[in-house]
C-alpha atoms as a PDB file:
ATOM      1  CA  MET A   1     -41.380   5.689   4.179  1.00  0.00           C
ATOM      2  CA  LEU A   2     -39.401   8.162   2.155  1.00  0.00           C
ATOM      3  CA  GLY A   3     -40.804  11.377   3.593  1.00  0.00           C
ATOM      4  CA  GLY A   4     -37.977  13.415   2.064  1.00  0.00           C
ATOM      5  CA  VAL A   5     -37.292  15.200  -1.177  1.00  0.00           C
ATOM      6  CA  LEU A   6     -37.735  11.993  -3.131  1.00  0.00           C
ATOM      7  CA  ASP A   7     -41.487  11.884  -2.538  1.00  0.00           C
ATOM      8  CA  SER A   8     -42.131  14.003  -5.598  1.00  0.00           C
ATOM      9  CA  GLY A   9     -41.760  12.092  -8.862  1.00  0.00           C
ATOM     10  CA  ASP A  10     -40.499  15.312 -10.457  1.00  0.00           C
ATOM     11  CA  ASN A  11     -37.280  15.117  -8.429  1.00  0.00           C
ATOM     12  CA  LEU A  12     -36.419  11.750  -9.948  1.00  0.00           C
ATOM     13  CA  ALA A  13     -37.840  12.174 -13.449  1.00  0.00           C
ATOM     14  CA  HIS A  14     -34.468  12.961 -15.041  1.00  0.00           C
ATOM     15  CA  LEU A  15     -32.826   9.818 -13.604  1.00  0.00           C
ATOM     16  CA  THR A  16     -32.627   6.349 -15.090  1.00  0.00           C
ATOM     17  CA  GLU A  17     -34.582   3.584 -13.356  1.00  0.00           C
ATOM     18  CA  ALA A  18     -31.361   2.257 -11.779  1.00  0.00           C
ATOM     19  CA  GLU A  19     -30.494   5.734 -10.474  1.00  0.00           C
ATOM     20  CA  ARG A  20     -34.021   6.163  -9.075  1.00  0.00           C
ATOM     21  CA  ALA A  21     -33.761   2.804  -7.310  1.00  0.00           C
ATOM     22  CA  TRP A  22     -30.389   3.802  -5.828  1.00  0.00           C
ATOM     23  CA  ALA A  23     -31.778   7.174  -4.656  1.00  0.00           C
ATOM     24  CA  ARG A  24     -34.806   5.541  -3.042  1.00  0.00           C
ATOM     25  CA  HIS A  25     -32.645   2.938  -1.319  1.00  0.00           C
ATOM     26  CA  SER A  26     -30.281   5.651  -0.122  1.00  0.00           C
ATOM     27  CA  GLU A  27     -33.189   7.640   1.313  1.00  0.00           C
ATOM     28  CA  GLU A  28     -34.427   4.527   3.129  1.00  0.00           C
ATOM     29  CA  LEU A  29     -30.964   3.980   4.616  1.00  0.00           C
ATOM     30  CA  TRP A  30     -30.828   7.638   5.719  1.00  0.00           C
ATOM     31  CA  ALA A  31     -34.208   7.254   7.425  1.00  0.00           C
ATOM     32  CA  GLN A  32     -32.962   4.134   9.193  1.00  0.00           C
ATOM     33  CA  ALA A  33     -29.707   5.876  10.165  1.00  0.00           C
ATOM     34  CA  ARG A  34     -31.579   8.885  11.585  1.00  0.00           C
ATOM     35  CA  SER A  35     -33.828   6.556  13.565  1.00  0.00           C
ATOM     36  CA  ILE A  36     -30.868   4.676  15.026  1.00  0.00           C
ATOM     37  CA  ALA A  37     -29.022   7.927  15.820  1.00  0.00           C
ATOM     38  CA  ALA A  38     -32.105   9.385  17.511  1.00  0.00           C
ATOM     39  CA  ALA A  39     -32.074   6.487  19.965  1.00  0.00           C
ATOM     40  CA  CYS A  40     -28.415   7.177  20.819  1.00  0.00           C
ATOM     41  CA  PRO A  41     -27.771  10.948  20.942  1.00  0.00           C
ATOM     42  CA  ASN A  42     -23.971  10.553  20.921  1.00  0.00           C
ATOM     43  CA  ILE A  43     -24.047   8.761  17.535  1.00  0.00           C
ATOM     44  CA  ASP A  44     -23.909  10.679  14.256  1.00  0.00           C
ATOM     45  CA  ALA A  45     -26.509   9.687  11.633  1.00  0.00           C
ATOM     46  CA  GLY A  46     -23.907  10.092   8.881  1.00  0.00           C
ATOM     47  CA  ASP A  47     -21.642   7.554  10.547  1.00  0.00           C
ATOM     48  CA  VAL A  48     -24.559   5.129  10.881  1.00  0.00           C
ATOM     49  CA  TYR A  49     -25.455   5.647   7.196  1.00  0.00           C
ATOM     50  CA  HIS A  50     -21.859   4.925   6.177  1.00  0.00           C
ATOM     51  CA  SER A  51     -21.882   1.762   8.293  1.00  0.00           C
ATOM     52  CA  LEU A  52     -25.153   0.595   6.743  1.00  0.00           C
ATOM     53  CA  ARG A  53     -23.715   1.168   3.258  1.00  0.00           C
ATOM     54  CA  CYS A  54     -20.555  -0.746   4.173  1.00  0.00           C
ATOM     55  CA  LEU A  55     -22.623  -3.708   5.336  1.00  0.00           C
ATOM     56  CA  GLU A  56     -23.833  -4.052   1.746  1.00  0.00           C
ATOM     57  CA  LEU A  57     -20.268  -4.646   0.546  1.00  0.00           C
ATOM     58  CA  SER A  58     -18.673  -8.053   0.440  1.00  0.00           C
ATOM     59  CA  PRO A  59     -16.136  -8.774   3.202  1.00  0.00           C
ATOM     60  CA  SER A  60     -13.277  -8.560   0.695  1.00  0.00           C
ATOM     61  CA  GLU A  61     -14.487  -5.143  -0.537  1.00  0.00           C
ATOM     62  CA  ARG A  62     -14.709  -3.877   3.050  1.00  0.00           C
ATOM     63  CA  LEU A  63     -11.209  -5.136   3.781  1.00  0.00           C
ATOM     64  CA  ALA A  64      -9.762  -3.558   0.625  1.00  0.00           C
ATOM     65  CA  ARG A  65     -11.388  -0.198   1.395  1.00  0.00           C
ATOM     66  CA  GLY A  66     -10.255  -0.287   5.008  1.00  0.00           C
ATOM     67  CA  LEU A  67      -6.696  -1.093   4.032  1.00  0.00           C
ATOM     68  CA  SER A  68      -6.584   1.636   1.392  1.00  0.00           C
ATOM     69  CA  ARG A  69      -7.751   4.216   3.944  1.00  0.00           C
ATOM     70  CA  GLY A  70      -5.011   3.188   6.364  1.00  0.00           C
ATOM     71  CA  ARG A  71      -2.108   3.751   3.994  1.00  0.00           C
ATOM     72  CA  LEU A  72       0.146   6.722   4.524  1.00  0.00           C
ATOM     73  CA  CYS A  73       1.069   8.864   1.565  1.00  0.00           C
ATOM     74  CA  ALA A  74       4.753   9.700   1.094  1.00  0.00           C
ATOM     75  CA  TYR A  75       3.946  13.397   0.811  1.00  0.00           C
ATOM     76  CA  ALA A  76       2.037  13.411   4.126  1.00  0.00           C
ATOM     77  CA  ARG A  77       5.188  12.904   6.219  1.00  0.00           C
END
């Protein structure tokens, strides 16, 4: 299913097993995101990928990240 640059074992040889697993999972999510985006031309595959990654977080992690993104910085005023 990978079909990308990760098909060659040489590309992942320098990584630890955990890093290889993360890279393979990421490539699978990108493939899924591109497939979803292809069905809806007005949707960006990167946004879909980000959403798929966020679904892997616990609800409290998602809430904390969302709240931290919504804060204004004093210097931004």
